[in-house]
């Protein structure tokens, strides 16, 4: 049975509108919200069950910094729009860190990777962010 969406307690529409994660193909960032109350830390097996991922799909946990660093680090070659995107990601990072505890990041797949940042809301249910990262060099 697929996980049920929980109440819109973790709602970031203003922060996520037209926000694209920097990678080989800039993809939108979406919020995810589940009515699942699992004790942290999440295991790879629990993540596969939560996200309905089949056993043959590769999933790994990476440090939380692996999610934020590409998005919150300004580069010398950034134009004005890219600098504004960095500022928006820094604001998003602060909000997520204030609202979600026990945060973990999971990469799902290999070259076209679904990247999930998941954490616990105050009600104990899991929520977070999801994006697609295209990384043919990985």
C-alpha atoms as a PDB file:
ATOM      1  CA  UNK A   1       0.000   0.000   0.000  1.00  0.00           C
ATOM      2  CA  UNK A   2       1.488   3.404  -0.968  1.00  0.00           C
ATOM      3  CA  UNK A   3       2.231   5.843   1.842  1.00  0.00           C
ATOM      4  CA  UNK A   4      -0.517   8.353   2.516  1.00  0.00           C
ATOM      5  CA  UNK A   5       0.209  12.034   2.218  1.00  0.00           C
ATOM      6  CA  UNK A   6       0.066  13.705   5.627  1.00  0.00           C
ATOM      7  CA  UNK A   7      -1.455  17.052   6.467  1.00  0.00           C
ATOM      8  CA  UNK A   8       0.130  20.103   4.822  1.00  0.00           C
ATOM      9  CA  UNK A   9       2.126  20.916   7.970  1.00  0.00           C
ATOM     10  CA  UNK A  10       5.338  20.746   5.944  1.00  0.00           C
ATOM     11  CA  UNK A  11       4.370  23.096   3.144  1.00  0.00           C
ATOM     12  CA  UNK A  12       7.040  25.057   1.314  1.00  0.00           C
ATOM     13  CA  UNK A  13       5.302  26.246  -1.860  1.00  0.00           C
ATOM     14  CA  UNK A  14       6.672  29.800  -1.698  1.00  0.00           C
ATOM     15  CA  UNK A  15      10.229  28.592  -1.187  1.00  0.00           C
ATOM     16  CA  UNK A  16      10.009  25.938  -3.913  1.00  0.00           C
ATOM     17  CA  UNK A  17       8.215  27.873  -6.669  1.00  0.00           C
ATOM     18  CA  UNK A  18      10.479  27.950  -9.739  1.00  0.00           C
ATOM     19  CA  UNK A  19      13.422  26.635  -7.683  1.00  0.00           C
ATOM     20  CA  UNK A  20      15.727  24.348  -9.677  1.00  0.00           C
ATOM     21  CA  UNK A  21      18.486  22.190  -8.196  1.00  0.00           C
ATOM     22  CA  UNK A  22      21.863  22.745  -9.903  1.00  0.00           C
ATOM     23  CA  UNK A  23      23.158  19.698 -11.799  1.00  0.00           C
ATOM     24  CA  UNK A  24      23.793  18.728 -15.418  1.00  0.00           C
ATOM     25  CA  UNK A  25      20.084  19.340 -15.950  1.00  0.00           C
ATOM     26  CA  UNK A  26      18.561  21.782 -13.506  1.00  0.00           C
ATOM     27  CA  UNK A  27      15.450  20.079 -12.099  1.00  0.00           C
ATOM     28  CA  UNK A  28      12.671  21.363  -9.819  1.00  0.00           C
ATOM     29  CA  UNK A  29      12.705  20.759  -6.076  1.00  0.00           C
ATOM     30  CA  UNK A  30       9.495  19.328  -4.610  1.00  0.00           C
ATOM     31  CA  UNK A  31       8.312  18.730  -1.068  1.00  0.00           C
ATOM     32  CA  UNK A  32       7.377  15.224   0.053  1.00  0.00           C
ATOM     33  CA  UNK A  33       5.295  14.415   3.101  1.00  0.00           C
ATOM     34  CA  UNK A  34       4.417  10.970   4.512  1.00  0.00           C
ATOM     35  CA  UNK A  35       2.180   9.756   7.339  1.00  0.00           C
ATOM     36  CA  UNK A  36       4.789   7.283   8.475  1.00  0.00           C
ATOM     37  CA  UNK A  37       6.199   7.404  11.995  1.00  0.00           C
ATOM     38  CA  UNK A  38       9.449   5.411  11.890  1.00  0.00           C
ATOM     39  CA  UNK A  39      12.161   5.728  14.515  1.00  0.00           C
ATOM     40  CA  UNK A  40      15.309   7.378  13.180  1.00  0.00           C
ATOM     41  CA  UNK A  41      17.679   6.764  11.621  1.00  0.00           C
ATOM     42  CA  UNK A  42      16.004   5.402   8.510  1.00  0.00           C
ATOM     43  CA  UNK A  43      17.620   2.344   6.968  1.00  0.00           C
ATOM     44  CA  UNK A  44      18.040   1.785   3.228  1.00  0.00           C
ATOM     45  CA  UNK A  45      15.382  -0.947   3.473  1.00  0.00           C
ATOM     46  CA  UNK A  46      12.908   1.416   5.170  1.00  0.00           C
ATOM     47  CA  UNK A  47      13.558   4.088   2.533  1.00  0.00           C
ATOM     48  CA  UNK A  48      12.920   1.585  -0.256  1.00  0.00           C
ATOM     49  CA  UNK A  49       9.630   0.617   1.412  1.00  0.00           C
ATOM     50  CA  UNK A  50       8.641   4.243   2.062  1.00  0.00           C
ATOM     51  CA  UNK A  51       9.392   5.361  -1.496  1.00  0.00           C
ATOM     52  CA  UNK A  52       8.107   2.143  -3.130  1.00  0.00           C
ATOM     53  CA  UNK A  53      11.505   1.378  -4.678  1.00  0.00           C
ATOM     54  CA  UNK A  54      12.105  -2.100  -6.057  1.00  0.00           C
ATOM     55  CA  UNK A  55      15.009  -4.121  -4.580  1.00  0.00           C
ATOM     56  CA  UNK A  56      17.241  -3.918  -7.666  1.00  0.00           C
ATOM     57  CA  UNK A  57      17.366  -0.094  -7.612  1.00  0.00           C
ATOM     58  CA  UNK A  58      20.551   1.249  -5.998  1.00  0.00           C
ATOM     59  CA  UNK A  59      20.001   3.431  -2.905  1.00  0.00           C
ATOM     60  CA  UNK A  60      22.716   4.975  -0.753  1.00  0.00           C
ATOM     61  CA  UNK A  61      22.765   7.378   2.143  1.00  0.00           C
ATOM     62  CA  UNK A  62      25.047  10.403   1.857  1.00  0.00           C
ATOM     63  CA  UNK A  63      25.848  13.207   4.316  1.00  0.00           C
ATOM     64  CA  UNK A  64      23.298  16.033   4.469  1.00  0.00           C
ATOM     65  CA  UNK A  65      25.977  18.403   3.189  1.00  0.00           C
ATOM     66  CA  UNK A  66      25.924  16.386  -0.050  1.00  0.00           C
ATOM     67  CA  UNK A  67      22.421  17.716  -0.687  1.00  0.00           C
ATOM     68  CA  UNK A  68      23.029  21.343   0.288  1.00  0.00           C
ATOM     69  CA  UNK A  69      26.590  22.099  -0.831  1.00  0.00           C
ATOM     70  CA  UNK A  70      25.934  22.202  -4.619  1.00  0.00           C
ATOM     71  CA  UNK A  71      22.924  24.458  -4.044  1.00  0.00           C
ATOM     72  CA  UNK A  72      24.169  26.891  -1.372  1.00  0.00           C
ATOM     73  CA  UNK A  73      27.700  27.473  -2.674  1.00  0.00           C
ATOM     74  CA  UNK A  74      28.209  30.477  -4.937  1.00  0.00           C
ATOM     75  CA  UNK A  75      30.593  29.969  -7.831  1.00  0.00           C
ATOM     76  CA  UNK A  76      32.739  32.732  -9.374  1.00  0.00           C
ATOM     77  CA  UNK A  77      31.082  32.273 -12.772  1.00  0.00           C
ATOM     78  CA  UNK A  78      27.488  32.568 -11.493  1.00  0.00           C
ATOM     79  CA  UNK A  79      25.300  35.171 -13.153  1.00  0.00           C
ATOM     80  CA  UNK A  80      22.738  37.230 -11.226  1.00  0.00           C
ATOM     81  CA  UNK A  81      19.977  34.578 -11.523  1.00  0.00           C
ATOM     82  CA  UNK A  82      22.281  31.847 -10.228  1.00  0.00           C
ATOM     83  CA  UNK A  83      23.300  34.031  -7.283  1.00  0.00           C
ATOM     84  CA  UNK A  84      19.617  34.623  -6.477  1.00  0.00           C
ATOM     85  CA  UNK A  85      19.032  30.848  -6.651  1.00  0.00           C
ATOM     86  CA  UNK A  86      21.839  30.316  -4.121  1.00  0.00           C
ATOM     87  CA  UNK A  87      20.213  32.819  -1.744  1.00  0.00           C
ATOM     88  CA  UNK A  88      16.867  31.014  -2.107  1.00  0.00           C
ATOM     89  CA  UNK A  89      18.506  27.664  -1.323  1.00  0.00           C
ATOM     90  CA  UNK A  90      20.149  29.119   1.796  1.00  0.00           C
ATOM     91  CA  UNK A  91      16.712  30.297   2.965  1.00  0.00           C
ATOM     92  CA  UNK A  92      15.259  26.858   2.183  1.00  0.00           C
ATOM     93  CA  UNK A  93      18.100  25.164   4.096  1.00  0.00           C
ATOM     94  CA  UNK A  94      17.437  27.289   7.195  1.00  0.00           C
ATOM     95  CA  UNK A  95      13.719  26.517   7.038  1.00  0.00           C
ATOM     96  CA  UNK A  96      14.213  22.775   6.574  1.00  0.00           C
ATOM     97  CA  UNK A  97      16.752  22.623   9.399  1.00  0.00           C
ATOM     98  CA  UNK A  98      14.321  24.481  11.686  1.00  0.00           C
ATOM     99  CA  UNK A  99      11.309  22.294  10.830  1.00  0.00           C
ATOM    100  CA  UNK A 100      12.784  18.797  10.373  1.00  0.00           C
ATOM    101  CA  UNK A 101      14.887  16.815  12.832  1.00  0.00           C
ATOM    102  CA  UNK A 102      16.875  13.611  12.236  1.00  0.00           C
ATOM    103  CA  UNK A 103      17.571  14.630   8.626  1.00  0.00           C
ATOM    104  CA  UNK A 104      19.058  12.103   6.214  1.00  0.00           C
ATOM    105  CA  UNK A 105      19.842  12.244   2.492  1.00  0.00           C
ATOM    106  CA  UNK A 106      19.399   9.348   0.080  1.00  0.00           C
ATOM    107  CA  UNK A 107      20.467   8.942  -3.552  1.00  0.00           C
ATOM    108  CA  UNK A 108      18.176   6.644  -5.528  1.00  0.00           C
ATOM    109  CA  UNK A 109      19.498   5.369  -8.854  1.00  0.00           C
ATOM    110  CA  UNK A 110      22.798   5.887 -10.617  1.00  0.00           C
ATOM    111  CA  UNK A 111      23.183   8.423 -13.476  1.00  0.00           C
ATOM    112  CA  UNK A 112      19.739   9.982 -13.196  1.00  0.00           C
ATOM    113  CA  UNK A 113      19.438  10.112  -9.422  1.00  0.00           C
ATOM    114  CA  UNK A 114      16.412  10.941  -7.324  1.00  0.00           C
ATOM    115  CA  UNK A 115      17.817  12.858  -4.387  1.00  0.00           C
ATOM    116  CA  UNK A 116      15.766  12.866  -1.172  1.00  0.00           C
ATOM    117  CA  UNK A 117      16.379  14.892   1.956  1.00  0.00           C
ATOM    118  CA  UNK A 118      14.114  13.391   4.616  1.00  0.00           C
ATOM    119  CA  UNK A 119      13.549  14.367   8.236  1.00  0.00           C
ATOM    120  CA  UNK A 120      10.982  14.124  11.009  1.00  0.00           C
ATOM    121  CA  UNK A 121       8.331  16.747  11.588  1.00  0.00           C
ATOM    122  CA  UNK A 122       7.128  17.659  15.072  1.00  0.00           C
ATOM    123  CA  UNK A 123       4.337  15.026  14.771  1.00  0.00           C
ATOM    124  CA  UNK A 124       6.942  12.271  14.200  1.00  0.00           C
ATOM    125  CA  UNK A 125       6.054  11.728  10.537  1.00  0.00           C
ATOM    126  CA  UNK A 126       8.668  11.989   7.792  1.00  0.00           C
ATOM    127  CA  UNK A 127       8.806  14.739   5.184  1.00  0.00           C
ATOM    128  CA  UNK A 128      11.396  16.543   3.130  1.00  0.00           C
ATOM    129  CA  UNK A 129      12.579  17.465  -0.334  1.00  0.00           C
ATOM    130  CA  UNK A 130      13.019  15.576  -3.567  1.00  0.00           C
ATOM    131  CA  UNK A 131      14.741  16.452  -6.823  1.00  0.00           C
ATOM    132  CA  UNK A 132      16.316  14.765  -9.814  1.00  0.00           C
ATOM    133  CA  UNK A 133      20.068  15.089 -10.288  1.00  0.00           C
ATOM    134  CA  UNK A 134      21.597  14.181 -13.628  1.00  0.00           C
ATOM    135  CA  UNK A 135      25.226  13.313 -13.066  1.00  0.00           C
ATOM    136  CA  UNK A 136      26.813  11.332 -15.875  1.00  0.00           C
ATOM    137  CA  UNK A 137      30.256  11.761 -14.287  1.00  0.00           C
ATOM    138  CA  UNK A 138      29.266  10.034 -11.027  1.00  0.00           C
END
